[in-house]
């Protein structure tokens, strides 16, 4: 059993995660990407909904909402094909609002080129991508 009742510092409860996103090219200049992220530990669950808009494959702006009284804004710039720098600010609308004014997050993301493999079609529902 991996529930909260049997949790210790060395035996943590089971965590569940689900993530889905879709990237939609509106036109040659704009790309819209909605995403949903759900995480759960036993009976505690949290959902996050993101929406980002990319201009000219270079500048990214986005908003997010979390089911536990948070919202946020994000701005990012693709410096090179592989390097993204971004900044996000989260607003708290819950009880923590009395004690904080929000949180800042700065990211520097580098994406490596993957190994190019020839895609083979397999007739099995196990291989959906």
C-alpha atoms as a PDB file:
ATOM      1  CA  UNK A   1       0.000   0.000   0.000  1.00  0.00           C
ATOM      2  CA  UNK A   2       1.385   3.395  -0.991  1.00  0.00           C
ATOM      3  CA  UNK A   3      -1.280   5.683   0.486  1.00  0.00           C
ATOM      4  CA  UNK A   4      -0.900   8.639   2.816  1.00  0.00           C
ATOM      5  CA  UNK A   5      -1.617   6.517   5.902  1.00  0.00           C
ATOM      6  CA  UNK A   6       1.527   4.412   5.395  1.00  0.00           C
ATOM      7  CA  UNK A   7       3.770   7.260   4.225  1.00  0.00           C
ATOM      8  CA  UNK A   8       7.156   7.773   5.869  1.00  0.00           C
ATOM      9  CA  UNK A   9      10.189   9.868   4.831  1.00  0.00           C
ATOM     10  CA  UNK A  10      11.485   6.745   3.046  1.00  0.00           C
ATOM     11  CA  UNK A  11       8.175   5.516   1.653  1.00  0.00           C
ATOM     12  CA  UNK A  12       6.255   8.215  -0.191  1.00  0.00           C
ATOM     13  CA  UNK A  13       2.673   7.927  -1.463  1.00  0.00           C
ATOM     14  CA  UNK A  14       2.104   7.007  -5.096  1.00  0.00           C
ATOM     15  CA  UNK A  15       1.925  10.018  -7.428  1.00  0.00           C
ATOM     16  CA  UNK A  16      -0.143  10.202 -10.620  1.00  0.00           C
ATOM     17  CA  UNK A  17       0.507  12.623 -13.475  1.00  0.00           C
ATOM     18  CA  UNK A  18      -1.354  13.294 -16.741  1.00  0.00           C
ATOM     19  CA  UNK A  19      -0.300  15.826 -19.375  1.00  0.00           C
ATOM     20  CA  UNK A  20      -1.832  16.736 -22.726  1.00  0.00           C
ATOM     21  CA  UNK A  21      -1.066  19.528 -25.160  1.00  0.00           C
ATOM     22  CA  UNK A  22      -1.747  20.404 -28.756  1.00  0.00           C
ATOM     23  CA  UNK A  23       0.202  22.789 -30.961  1.00  0.00           C
ATOM     24  CA  UNK A  24      -1.937  24.569 -33.542  1.00  0.00           C
ATOM     25  CA  UNK A  25      -0.491  26.679 -36.365  1.00  0.00           C
ATOM     26  CA  UNK A  26      -2.957  29.547 -36.767  1.00  0.00           C
ATOM     27  CA  UNK A  27      -1.057  30.955 -39.761  1.00  0.00           C
ATOM     28  CA  UNK A  28       2.568  31.399 -40.893  1.00  0.00           C
ATOM     29  CA  UNK A  29       3.358  33.769 -38.009  1.00  0.00           C
ATOM     30  CA  UNK A  30       1.318  32.529 -35.020  1.00  0.00           C
ATOM     31  CA  UNK A  31       1.153  29.225 -33.159  1.00  0.00           C
ATOM     32  CA  UNK A  32      -1.308  28.538 -30.314  1.00  0.00           C
ATOM     33  CA  UNK A  33      -0.572  25.810 -27.753  1.00  0.00           C
ATOM     34  CA  UNK A  34      -3.128  24.878 -25.099  1.00  0.00           C
ATOM     35  CA  UNK A  35      -2.023  22.371 -22.428  1.00  0.00           C
ATOM     36  CA  UNK A  36      -3.522  20.613 -19.403  1.00  0.00           C
ATOM     37  CA  UNK A  37      -1.510  19.090 -16.548  1.00  0.00           C
ATOM     38  CA  UNK A  38      -3.117  17.084 -13.728  1.00  0.00           C
ATOM     39  CA  UNK A  39      -1.243  15.686 -10.743  1.00  0.00           C
ATOM     40  CA  UNK A  40      -2.579  13.677  -7.843  1.00  0.00           C
ATOM     41  CA  UNK A  41      -1.297  12.152  -4.618  1.00  0.00           C
ATOM     42  CA  UNK A  42      -3.836   9.759  -3.137  1.00  0.00           C
ATOM     43  CA  UNK A  43      -6.872  12.044  -2.608  1.00  0.00           C
ATOM     44  CA  UNK A  44      -5.163  15.412  -3.252  1.00  0.00           C
ATOM     45  CA  UNK A  45      -5.400  16.605  -6.871  1.00  0.00           C
ATOM     46  CA  UNK A  46      -4.318  19.739  -8.719  1.00  0.00           C
ATOM     47  CA  UNK A  47      -4.989  20.786 -12.312  1.00  0.00           C
ATOM     48  CA  UNK A  48      -3.171  23.389 -14.398  1.00  0.00           C
ATOM     49  CA  UNK A  49      -4.327  24.872 -17.703  1.00  0.00           C
ATOM     50  CA  UNK A  50      -1.832  26.743 -19.903  1.00  0.00           C
ATOM     51  CA  UNK A  51      -2.268  28.695 -23.099  1.00  0.00           C
ATOM     52  CA  UNK A  52       0.742  30.016 -24.997  1.00  0.00           C
ATOM     53  CA  UNK A  53       1.009  31.989 -28.206  1.00  0.00           C
ATOM     54  CA  UNK A  54       4.225  31.927 -30.243  1.00  0.00           C
ATOM     55  CA  UNK A  55       4.983  34.660 -32.764  1.00  0.00           C
ATOM     56  CA  UNK A  56       7.278  33.964 -35.703  1.00  0.00           C
ATOM     57  CA  UNK A  57       8.741  30.901 -33.893  1.00  0.00           C
ATOM     58  CA  UNK A  58      10.640  33.393 -31.751  1.00  0.00           C
ATOM     59  CA  UNK A  59       8.581  35.143 -29.035  1.00  0.00           C
ATOM     60  CA  UNK A  60       6.300  33.241 -26.645  1.00  0.00           C
ATOM     61  CA  UNK A  61       3.642  34.750 -24.361  1.00  0.00           C
ATOM     62  CA  UNK A  62       1.404  32.685 -22.146  1.00  0.00           C
ATOM     63  CA  UNK A  63      -1.086  32.515 -19.304  1.00  0.00           C
ATOM     64  CA  UNK A  64      -1.806  29.770 -16.799  1.00  0.00           C
ATOM     65  CA  UNK A  65      -4.413  28.895 -14.209  1.00  0.00           C
ATOM     66  CA  UNK A  66      -4.045  26.382 -11.374  1.00  0.00           C
ATOM     67  CA  UNK A  67      -6.991  24.881  -9.560  1.00  0.00           C
ATOM     68  CA  UNK A  68      -5.561  25.910  -6.184  1.00  0.00           C
ATOM     69  CA  UNK A  69      -6.038  29.681  -6.547  1.00  0.00           C
ATOM     70  CA  UNK A  70      -3.020  30.532  -8.728  1.00  0.00           C
ATOM     71  CA  UNK A  71      -2.678  32.276 -12.065  1.00  0.00           C
ATOM     72  CA  UNK A  72       0.392  33.359 -13.971  1.00  0.00           C
ATOM     73  CA  UNK A  73       1.937  35.095 -16.968  1.00  0.00           C
ATOM     74  CA  UNK A  74       4.922  33.995 -19.034  1.00  0.00           C
ATOM     75  CA  UNK A  75       7.192  35.636 -21.612  1.00  0.00           C
ATOM     76  CA  UNK A  76       9.927  33.828 -23.513  1.00  0.00           C
ATOM     77  CA  UNK A  77      12.344  34.384 -26.395  1.00  0.00           C
ATOM     78  CA  UNK A  78      13.998  31.753 -28.573  1.00  0.00           C
ATOM     79  CA  UNK A  79      17.557  33.047 -28.652  1.00  0.00           C
ATOM     80  CA  UNK A  80      18.649  30.320 -31.074  1.00  0.00           C
ATOM     81  CA  UNK A  81      16.988  27.252 -32.567  1.00  0.00           C
ATOM     82  CA  UNK A  82      17.884  25.277 -29.437  1.00  0.00           C
ATOM     83  CA  UNK A  83      17.997  27.916 -26.686  1.00  0.00           C
ATOM     84  CA  UNK A  84      14.942  29.463 -24.978  1.00  0.00           C
ATOM     85  CA  UNK A  85      15.036  32.068 -22.200  1.00  0.00           C
ATOM     86  CA  UNK A  86      11.794  32.748 -20.337  1.00  0.00           C
ATOM     87  CA  UNK A  87      10.363  34.493 -17.304  1.00  0.00           C
ATOM     88  CA  UNK A  88       7.137  33.726 -15.450  1.00  0.00           C
ATOM     89  CA  UNK A  89       5.282  35.371 -12.593  1.00  0.00           C
ATOM     90  CA  UNK A  90       2.621  33.562 -10.545  1.00  0.00           C
ATOM     91  CA  UNK A  91      -0.120  35.388  -8.639  1.00  0.00           C
ATOM     92  CA  UNK A  92      -1.668  33.761  -5.582  1.00  0.00           C
ATOM     93  CA  UNK A  93      -5.396  34.365  -5.037  1.00  0.00           C
ATOM     94  CA  UNK A  94      -5.766  32.079  -2.021  1.00  0.00           C
ATOM     95  CA  UNK A  95      -4.931  32.296   1.658  1.00  0.00           C
ATOM     96  CA  UNK A  96      -1.185  32.681   0.993  1.00  0.00           C
ATOM     97  CA  UNK A  97      -1.899  36.028  -0.636  1.00  0.00           C
ATOM     98  CA  UNK A  98      -1.655  37.658   2.803  1.00  0.00           C
ATOM     99  CA  UNK A  99       1.970  36.514   3.156  1.00  0.00           C
ATOM    100  CA  UNK A 100       3.390  36.840  -0.354  1.00  0.00           C
ATOM    101  CA  UNK A 101       3.041  38.960  -3.459  1.00  0.00           C
ATOM    102  CA  UNK A 102       3.729  36.197  -5.981  1.00  0.00           C
ATOM    103  CA  UNK A 103       6.618  34.116  -7.225  1.00  0.00           C
ATOM    104  CA  UNK A 104       9.170  34.628  -9.994  1.00  0.00           C
ATOM    105  CA  UNK A 105      10.625  31.961 -12.251  1.00  0.00           C
ATOM    106  CA  UNK A 106      13.432  32.352 -14.777  1.00  0.00           C
ATOM    107  CA  UNK A 107      14.293  29.533 -17.170  1.00  0.00           C
ATOM    108  CA  UNK A 108      17.046  28.837 -19.620  1.00  0.00           C
ATOM    109  CA  UNK A 109      16.163  25.787 -21.723  1.00  0.00           C
ATOM    110  CA  UNK A 110      18.495  24.085 -24.178  1.00  0.00           C
ATOM    111  CA  UNK A 111      17.047  21.419 -26.478  1.00  0.00           C
ATOM    112  CA  UNK A 112      19.427  18.859 -27.917  1.00  0.00           C
ATOM    113  CA  UNK A 113      18.905  17.385 -31.351  1.00  0.00           C
ATOM    114  CA  UNK A 114      17.688  13.839 -31.000  1.00  0.00           C
ATOM    115  CA  UNK A 115      18.957  10.881 -32.957  1.00  0.00           C
ATOM    116  CA  UNK A 116      17.157  10.790 -36.272  1.00  0.00           C
ATOM    117  CA  UNK A 117      15.512   7.412 -36.693  1.00  0.00           C
ATOM    118  CA  UNK A 118      13.516   6.054 -39.570  1.00  0.00           C
ATOM    119  CA  UNK A 119       9.908   5.732 -38.427  1.00  0.00           C
ATOM    120  CA  UNK A 120       8.439   2.311 -38.972  1.00  0.00           C
ATOM    121  CA  UNK A 121       4.680   1.787 -38.982  1.00  0.00           C
ATOM    122  CA  UNK A 122       3.667  -0.998 -36.646  1.00  0.00           C
ATOM    123  CA  UNK A 123       0.129  -2.365 -36.602  1.00  0.00           C
ATOM    124  CA  UNK A 124      -0.369  -2.269 -32.854  1.00  0.00           C
ATOM    125  CA  UNK A 125      -2.294   0.150 -30.610  1.00  0.00           C
ATOM    126  CA  UNK A 126       0.719   0.125 -28.263  1.00  0.00           C
ATOM    127  CA  UNK A 127       2.667   2.317 -30.725  1.00  0.00           C
ATOM    128  CA  UNK A 128       0.444   5.381 -31.134  1.00  0.00           C
ATOM    129  CA  UNK A 129       3.062   8.001 -31.975  1.00  0.00           C
END
